[in-house]
Amino acid sequence: MNPKLKKLFKKIFGIKSKITLGSNMDNTKKWDSLTHIKLIIELEKITNKRLSANQIIKLTNVKEIMKILNIKQK
């Protein structure tokens, strides 16, 4: 997983556990509506572009976030 994205997730969700491509809203304890909004804001800041409503709706898991941001998986 992209190191910048991993660092961002750990910062926003305040967790020290491993973030993986399988991490999502259901299996990440602190991924609630407020942290989801914080995630969107930070993603827009680091990419320097606004996400569309359709993109935001799909931001429910790490794999989809990477896909939307066009981050290549390692």
PDB file of N, CA and C in Angstrom:
ATOM      1  N   MET A   1       0.841  -1.182   0.000  1.00  0.00           N
ATOM      2  CA  MET A   1       0.000   0.000   0.000  1.00  0.00           C
ATOM      3  C   MET A   1       0.884   1.242   0.000  1.00  0.00           C
ATOM      4  N   ASN A   2       0.406   2.285  -0.602  1.00  0.00           N
ATOM      5  CA  ASN A   2       1.124   3.548  -0.697  1.00  0.00           C
ATOM      6  C   ASN A   2       1.457   4.090   0.698  1.00  0.00           C
ATOM      7  N   PRO A   3       2.736   4.398   0.976  1.00  0.00           N
ATOM      8  CA  PRO A   3       3.140   4.874   2.300  1.00  0.00           C
ATOM      9  C   PRO A   3       2.459   6.176   2.740  1.00  0.00           C
ATOM     10  N   LYS A   4       2.254   7.101   1.812  1.00  0.00           N
ATOM     11  CA  LYS A   4       1.582   8.364   2.154  1.00  0.00           C
ATOM     12  C   LYS A   4       0.144   8.103   2.598  1.00  0.00           C
ATOM     13  N   LEU A   5      -0.534   7.230   1.855  1.00  0.00           N
ATOM     14  CA  LEU A   5      -1.919   6.906   2.184  1.00  0.00           C
ATOM     15  C   LEU A   5      -1.990   6.169   3.519  1.00  0.00           C
ATOM     16  N   LYS A   6      -1.048   5.272   3.754  1.00  0.00           N
ATOM     17  CA  LYS A   6      -0.997   4.530   5.011  1.00  0.00           C
ATOM     18  C   LYS A   6      -0.813   5.490   6.191  1.00  0.00           C
ATOM     19  N   LYS A   7       0.084   6.446   6.035  1.00  0.00           N
ATOM     20  CA  LYS A   7       0.351   7.438   7.081  1.00  0.00           C
ATOM     21  C   LYS A   7      -0.898   8.291   7.325  1.00  0.00           C
ATOM     22  N   LEU A   8      -1.575   8.680   6.244  1.00  0.00           N
ATOM     23  CA  LEU A   8      -2.787   9.477   6.339  1.00  0.00           C
ATOM     24  C   LEU A   8      -3.872   8.726   7.118  1.00  0.00           C
ATOM     25  N   PHE A   9      -4.056   7.448   6.812  1.00  0.00           N
ATOM     26  CA  PHE A   9      -5.063   6.644   7.503  1.00  0.00           C
ATOM     27  C   PHE A   9      -4.750   6.536   8.990  1.00  0.00           C
ATOM     28  N   LYS A  10      -3.498   6.286   9.304  1.00  0.00           N
ATOM     29  CA  LYS A  10      -3.115   6.166  10.716  1.00  0.00           C
ATOM     30  C   LYS A  10      -3.345   7.480  11.457  1.00  0.00           C
ATOM     31  N   LYS A  11      -3.075   8.591  10.790  1.00  0.00           N
ATOM     32  CA  LYS A  11      -3.268   9.914  11.402  1.00  0.00           C
ATOM     33  C   LYS A  11      -4.764  10.187  11.633  1.00  0.00           C
ATOM     34  N   ILE A  12      -5.565   9.988  10.625  1.00  0.00           N
ATOM     35  CA  ILE A  12      -6.991  10.312  10.708  1.00  0.00           C
ATOM     36  C   ILE A  12      -7.734   9.392  11.668  1.00  0.00           C
ATOM     37  N   PHE A  13      -7.466   8.101  11.574  1.00  0.00           N
ATOM     38  CA  PHE A  13      -8.195   7.143  12.394  1.00  0.00           C
ATOM     39  C   PHE A  13      -7.551   6.903  13.751  1.00  0.00           C
ATOM     40  N   GLY A  14      -6.370   7.483  13.965  1.00  0.00           N
ATOM     41  CA  GLY A  14      -5.715   7.360  15.252  1.00  0.00           C
ATOM     42  C   GLY A  14      -5.438   5.928  15.664  1.00  0.00           C
ATOM     43  N   ILE A  15      -5.055   5.124  14.694  1.00  0.00           N
ATOM     44  CA  ILE A  15      -4.814   3.711  14.986  1.00  0.00           C
ATOM     45  C   ILE A  15      -3.372   3.342  14.693  1.00  0.00           C
ATOM     46  N   LYS A  16      -2.919   2.324  15.384  1.00  0.00           N
ATOM     47  CA  LYS A  16      -1.570   1.844  15.172  1.00  0.00           C
ATOM     48  C   LYS A  16      -1.575   0.486  14.487  1.00  0.00           C
ATOM     49  N   SER A  17      -2.758  -0.064  14.294  1.00  0.00           N
ATOM     50  CA  SER A  17      -2.850  -1.371  13.648  1.00  0.00           C
ATOM     51  C   SER A  17      -2.575  -1.255  12.159  1.00  0.00           C
ATOM     52  N   LYS A  18      -2.402  -2.379  11.544  1.00  0.00           N
ATOM     53  CA  LYS A  18      -2.040  -2.427  10.135  1.00  0.00           C
ATOM     54  C   LYS A  18      -3.219  -2.027   9.241  1.00  0.00           C
ATOM     55  N   ILE A  19      -2.950  -1.131   8.324  1.00  0.00           N
ATOM     56  CA  ILE A  19      -3.932  -0.730   7.318  1.00  0.00           C
ATOM     57  C   ILE A  19      -3.595  -1.521   6.055  1.00  0.00           C
ATOM     58  N   THR A  20      -4.584  -2.181   5.481  1.00  0.00           N
ATOM     59  CA  THR A  20      -4.361  -3.008   4.295  1.00  0.00           C
ATOM     60  C   THR A  20      -5.349  -2.628   3.196  1.00  0.00           C
ATOM     61  N   LEU A  21      -5.182  -3.248   2.044  1.00  0.00           N
ATOM     62  CA  LEU A  21      -6.133  -3.020   0.939  1.00  0.00           C
ATOM     63  C   LEU A  21      -7.536  -3.473   1.326  1.00  0.00           C
ATOM     64  N   GLY A  22      -7.635  -4.386   2.267  1.00  0.00           N
ATOM     65  CA  GLY A  22      -8.934  -4.891   2.711  1.00  0.00           C
ATOM     66  C   GLY A  22      -9.593  -4.049   3.790  1.00  0.00           C
ATOM     67  N   SER A  23      -8.908  -3.005   4.266  1.00  0.00           N
ATOM     68  CA  SER A  23      -9.492  -2.143   5.297  1.00  0.00           C
ATOM     69  C   SER A  23     -10.678  -1.385   4.713  1.00  0.00           C
ATOM     70  N   ASN A  24     -11.775  -1.352   5.479  1.00  0.00           N
ATOM     71  CA  ASN A  24     -12.975  -0.664   5.002  1.00  0.00           C
ATOM     72  C   ASN A  24     -13.765  -0.095   6.175  1.00  0.00           C
ATOM     73  N   MET A  25     -14.893   0.515   5.871  1.00  0.00           N
ATOM     74  CA  MET A  25     -15.714   1.148   6.900  1.00  0.00           C
ATOM     75  C   MET A  25     -16.217   0.151   7.939  1.00  0.00           C
ATOM     76  N   ASP A  26     -16.448  -1.082   7.513  1.00  0.00           N
ATOM     77  CA  ASP A  26     -17.003  -2.085   8.417  1.00  0.00           C
ATOM     78  C   ASP A  26     -15.967  -2.701   9.349  1.00  0.00           C
ATOM     79  N   ASN A  27     -14.730  -2.849   8.880  1.00  0.00           N
ATOM     80  CA  ASN A  27     -13.741  -3.528   9.718  1.00  0.00           C
ATOM     81  C   ASN A  27     -12.693  -2.594  10.331  1.00  0.00           C
ATOM     82  N   THR A  28     -12.867  -1.293  10.168  1.00  0.00           N
ATOM     83  CA  THR A  28     -11.972  -0.318  10.782  1.00  0.00           C
ATOM     84  C   THR A  28     -12.767   0.399  11.863  1.00  0.00           C
ATOM     85  N   LYS A  29     -12.431   0.091  13.096  1.00  0.00           N
ATOM     86  CA  LYS A  29     -13.213   0.507  14.258  1.00  0.00           C
ATOM     87  C   LYS A  29     -13.559   1.998  14.284  1.00  0.00           C
ATOM     88  N   LYS A  30     -12.600   2.857  14.006  1.00  0.00           N
ATOM     89  CA  LYS A  30     -12.836   4.302  14.134  1.00  0.00           C
ATOM     90  C   LYS A  30     -13.277   4.976  12.832  1.00  0.00           C
ATOM     91  N   TRP A  31     -13.630   4.194  11.812  1.00  0.00           N
ATOM     92  CA  TRP A  31     -14.065   4.771  10.541  1.00  0.00           C
ATOM     93  C   TRP A  31     -15.564   5.052  10.633  1.00  0.00           C
ATOM     94  N   ASP A  32     -15.894   6.216  11.160  1.00  0.00           N
ATOM     95  CA  ASP A  32     -17.284   6.626  11.274  1.00  0.00           C
ATOM     96  C   ASP A  32     -17.539   7.819  10.350  1.00  0.00           C
ATOM     97  N   SER A  33     -18.703   8.428  10.460  1.00  0.00           N
ATOM     98  CA  SER A  33     -19.051   9.515   9.537  1.00  0.00           C
ATOM     99  C   SER A  33     -18.123  10.725   9.673  1.00  0.00           C
ATOM    100  N   LEU A  34     -17.738  11.060  10.887  1.00  0.00           N
ATOM    101  CA  LEU A  34     -16.866  12.214  11.085  1.00  0.00           C
ATOM    102  C   LEU A  34     -15.459  11.961  10.534  1.00  0.00           C
ATOM    103  N   THR A  35     -14.900  10.804  10.823  1.00  0.00           N
ATOM    104  CA  THR A  35     -13.563  10.516  10.296  1.00  0.00           C
ATOM    105  C   THR A  35     -13.605  10.343   8.782  1.00  0.00           C
ATOM    106  N   HIS A  36     -14.738   9.915   8.259  1.00  0.00           N
ATOM    107  CA  HIS A  36     -14.880   9.791   6.806  1.00  0.00           C
ATOM    108  C   HIS A  36     -14.782  11.179   6.146  1.00  0.00           C
ATOM    109  N   ILE A  37     -15.413  12.165   6.760  1.00  0.00           N
ATOM    110  CA  ILE A  37     -15.345  13.530   6.238  1.00  0.00           C
ATOM    111  C   ILE A  37     -13.913  14.062   6.340  1.00  0.00           C
ATOM    112  N   LYS A  38     -13.260  13.790   7.464  1.00  0.00           N
ATOM    113  CA  LYS A  38     -11.856  14.197   7.618  1.00  0.00           C
ATOM    114  C   LYS A  38     -10.987  13.549   6.541  1.00  0.00           C
ATOM    115  N   LEU A  39     -11.250  12.289   6.243  1.00  0.00           N
ATOM    116  CA  LEU A  39     -10.508  11.574   5.212  1.00  0.00           C
ATOM    117  C   LEU A  39     -10.694  12.248   3.855  1.00  0.00           C
ATOM    118  N   ILE A  40     -11.914  12.577   3.516  1.00  0.00           N
ATOM    119  CA  ILE A  40     -12.205  13.246   2.241  1.00  0.00           C
ATOM    120  C   ILE A  40     -11.453  14.576   2.146  1.00  0.00           C
ATOM    121  N   ILE A  41     -11.508  15.363   3.208  1.00  0.00           N
ATOM    122  CA  ILE A  41     -10.818  16.659   3.216  1.00  0.00           C
ATOM    123  C   ILE A  41      -9.327  16.480   3.013  1.00  0.00           C
ATOM    124  N   GLU A  42      -8.723  15.540   3.731  1.00  0.00           N
ATOM    125  CA  GLU A  42      -7.279  15.311   3.610  1.00  0.00           C
ATOM    126  C   GLU A  42      -6.904  14.777   2.231  1.00  0.00           C
ATOM    127  N   LEU A  43      -7.731  13.913   1.668  1.00  0.00           N
ATOM    128  CA  LEU A  43      -7.468  13.386   0.324  1.00  0.00           C
ATOM    129  C   LEU A  43      -7.501  14.510  -0.704  1.00  0.00           C
ATOM    130  N   GLU A  44      -8.462  15.416  -0.549  1.00  0.00           N
ATOM    131  CA  GLU A  44      -8.532  16.553  -1.462  1.00  0.00           C
ATOM    132  C   GLU A  44      -7.321  17.469  -1.307  1.00  0.00           C
ATOM    133  N   LYS A  45      -6.839  17.622  -0.085  1.00  0.00           N
ATOM    134  CA  LYS A  45      -5.657  18.457   0.151  1.00  0.00           C
ATOM    135  C   LYS A  45      -4.418  17.854  -0.502  1.00  0.00           C
ATOM    136  N   ILE A  46      -4.195  16.563  -0.295  1.00  0.00           N
ATOM    137  CA  ILE A  46      -2.960  15.972  -0.814  1.00  0.00           C
ATOM    138  C   ILE A  46      -2.980  15.799  -2.325  1.00  0.00           C
ATOM    139  N   THR A  47      -4.172  15.685  -2.903  1.00  0.00           N
ATOM    140  CA  THR A  47      -4.252  15.537  -4.355  1.00  0.00           C
ATOM    141  C   THR A  47      -4.421  16.878  -5.056  1.00  0.00           C
ATOM    142  N   ASN A  48      -4.780  17.890  -4.301  1.00  0.00           N
ATOM    143  CA  ASN A  48      -4.995  19.220  -4.855  1.00  0.00           C
ATOM    144  C   ASN A  48      -6.142  19.248  -5.863  1.00  0.00           C
ATOM    145  N   LYS A  49      -7.139  18.394  -5.644  1.00  0.00           N
ATOM    146  CA  LYS A  49      -8.326  18.416  -6.509  1.00  0.00           C
ATOM    147  C   LYS A  49      -9.547  17.984  -5.700  1.00  0.00           C
ATOM    148  N   ARG A  50     -10.691  18.458  -6.133  1.00  0.00           N
ATOM    149  CA  ARG A  50     -11.948  18.109  -5.465  1.00  0.00           C
ATOM    150  C   ARG A  50     -12.454  16.779  -5.963  1.00  0.00           C
ATOM    151  N   LEU A  51     -13.003  16.019  -5.050  1.00  0.00           N
ATOM    152  CA  LEU A  51     -13.611  14.748  -5.408  1.00  0.00           C
ATOM    153  C   LEU A  51     -15.080  14.986  -5.740  1.00  0.00           C
ATOM    154  N   SER A  52     -15.586  14.274  -6.717  1.00  0.00           N
ATOM    155  CA  SER A  52     -16.999  14.408  -7.075  1.00  0.00           C
ATOM    156  C   SER A  52     -17.853  13.646  -6.063  1.00  0.00           C
ATOM    157  N   ALA A  53     -19.137  13.926  -6.061  1.00  0.00           N
ATOM    158  CA  ALA A  53     -20.061  13.227  -5.160  1.00  0.00           C
ATOM    159  C   ALA A  53     -20.022  11.725  -5.425  1.00  0.00           C
ATOM    160  N   ASN A  54     -19.954  11.343  -6.699  1.00  0.00           N
ATOM    161  CA  ASN A  54     -19.893   9.915  -7.046  1.00  0.00           C
ATOM    162  C   ASN A  54     -18.626   9.261  -6.519  1.00  0.00           C
ATOM    163  N   GLN A  55     -17.513   9.965  -6.557  1.00  0.00           N
ATOM    164  CA  GLN A  55     -16.258   9.430  -6.025  1.00  0.00           C
ATOM    165  C   GLN A  55     -16.332   9.297  -4.509  1.00  0.00           C
ATOM    166  N   ILE A  56     -16.880  10.297  -3.849  1.00  0.00           N
ATOM    167  CA  ILE A  56     -16.978  10.286  -2.389  1.00  0.00           C
ATOM    168  C   ILE A  56     -17.821   9.106  -1.913  1.00  0.00           C
ATOM    169  N   ILE A  57     -18.889   8.823  -2.606  1.00  0.00           N
ATOM    170  CA  ILE A  57     -19.760   7.699  -2.250  1.00  0.00           C
ATOM    171  C   ILE A  57     -18.990   6.379  -2.282  1.00  0.00           C
ATOM    172  N   LYS A  58     -18.038   6.263  -3.196  1.00  0.00           N
ATOM    173  CA  LYS A  58     -17.277   5.024  -3.355  1.00  0.00           C
ATOM    174  C   LYS A  58     -16.103   4.885  -2.382  1.00  0.00           C
ATOM    175  N   LEU A  59     -15.817   5.920  -1.613  1.00  0.00           N
ATOM    176  CA  LEU A  59     -14.663   5.893  -0.707  1.00  0.00           C
ATOM    177  C   LEU A  59     -14.964   5.100   0.564  1.00  0.00           C
ATOM    178  N   THR A  60     -15.310   3.844   0.418  1.00  0.00           N
ATOM    179  CA  THR A  60     -15.674   3.027   1.577  1.00  0.00           C
ATOM    180  C   THR A  60     -14.614   2.003   1.937  1.00  0.00           C
ATOM    181  N   ASN A  61     -13.554   1.919   1.127  1.00  0.00           N
ATOM    182  CA  ASN A  61     -12.477   0.978   1.428  1.00  0.00           C
ATOM    183  C   ASN A  61     -11.171   1.472   0.812  1.00  0.00           C
ATOM    184  N   VAL A  62     -10.073   0.959   1.336  1.00  0.00           N
ATOM    185  CA  VAL A  62      -8.751   1.416   0.902  1.00  0.00           C
ATOM    186  C   VAL A  62      -8.513   1.118  -0.574  1.00  0.00           C
ATOM    187  N   LYS A  63      -8.918  -0.041  -1.022  1.00  0.00           N
ATOM    188  CA  LYS A  63      -8.699  -0.423  -2.424  1.00  0.00           C
ATOM    189  C   LYS A  63      -9.383   0.561  -3.370  1.00  0.00           C
ATOM    190  N   GLU A  64     -10.603   0.934  -3.057  1.00  0.00           N
ATOM    191  CA  GLU A  64     -11.353   1.877  -3.903  1.00  0.00           C
ATOM    192  C   GLU A  64     -10.745   3.276  -3.841  1.00  0.00           C
ATOM    193  N   ILE A  65     -10.264   3.670  -2.670  1.00  0.00           N
ATOM    194  CA  ILE A  65      -9.618   4.978  -2.531  1.00  0.00           C
ATOM    195  C   ILE A  65      -8.391   5.039  -3.430  1.00  0.00           C
ATOM    196  N   MET A  66      -7.593   3.978  -3.413  1.00  0.00           N
ATOM    197  CA  MET A  66      -6.399   3.940  -4.257  1.00  0.00           C
ATOM    198  C   MET A  66      -6.775   3.974  -5.734  1.00  0.00           C
ATOM    199  N   LYS A  67      -7.853   3.286  -6.074  1.00  0.00           N
ATOM    200  CA  LYS A  67      -8.317   3.257  -7.459  1.00  0.00           C
ATOM    201  C   LYS A  67      -8.757   4.658  -7.919  1.00  0.00           C
ATOM    202  N   ILE A  68      -9.529   5.339  -7.090  1.00  0.00           N
ATOM    203  CA  ILE A  68     -10.016   6.675  -7.424  1.00  0.00           C
ATOM    204  C   ILE A  68      -8.868   7.664  -7.539  1.00  0.00           C
ATOM    205  N   LEU A  69      -7.881   7.527  -6.662  1.00  0.00           N
ATOM    206  CA  LEU A  69      -6.750   8.441  -6.682  1.00  0.00           C
ATOM    207  C   LEU A  69      -5.668   8.010  -7.668  1.00  0.00           C
ATOM    208  N   ASN A  70      -5.913   6.921  -8.367  1.00  0.00           N
ATOM    209  CA  ASN A  70      -4.963   6.376  -9.348  1.00  0.00           C
ATOM    210  C   ASN A  70      -3.590   6.075  -8.737  1.00  0.00           C
ATOM    211  N   ILE A  71      -3.603   5.502  -7.552  1.00  0.00           N
ATOM    212  CA  ILE A  71      -2.362   5.108  -6.900  1.00  0.00           C
ATOM    213  C   ILE A  71      -2.094   3.653  -7.257  1.00  0.00           C
ATOM    214  N   LYS A  72      -0.929   3.413  -7.780  1.00  0.00           N
ATOM    215  CA  LYS A  72      -0.544   2.057  -8.152  1.00  0.00           C
ATOM    216  C   LYS A  72      -0.252   1.222  -6.918  1.00  0.00           C
ATOM    217  N   GLN A  73      -0.768  -0.007  -6.904  1.00  0.00           N
ATOM    218  CA  GLN A  73      -0.507  -0.910  -5.806  1.00  0.00           C
ATOM    219  C   GLN A  73       0.853  -1.553  -5.953  1.00  0.00           C
ATOM    220  N   LYS A  74       1.522  -1.743  -4.813  1.00  0.00           N
ATOM    221  CA  LYS A  74       2.835  -2.385  -4.819  1.00  0.00           C
ATOM    222  C   LYS A  74       2.745  -3.798  -4.364  1.00  0.00           C
TER     223      LYS A  74
END
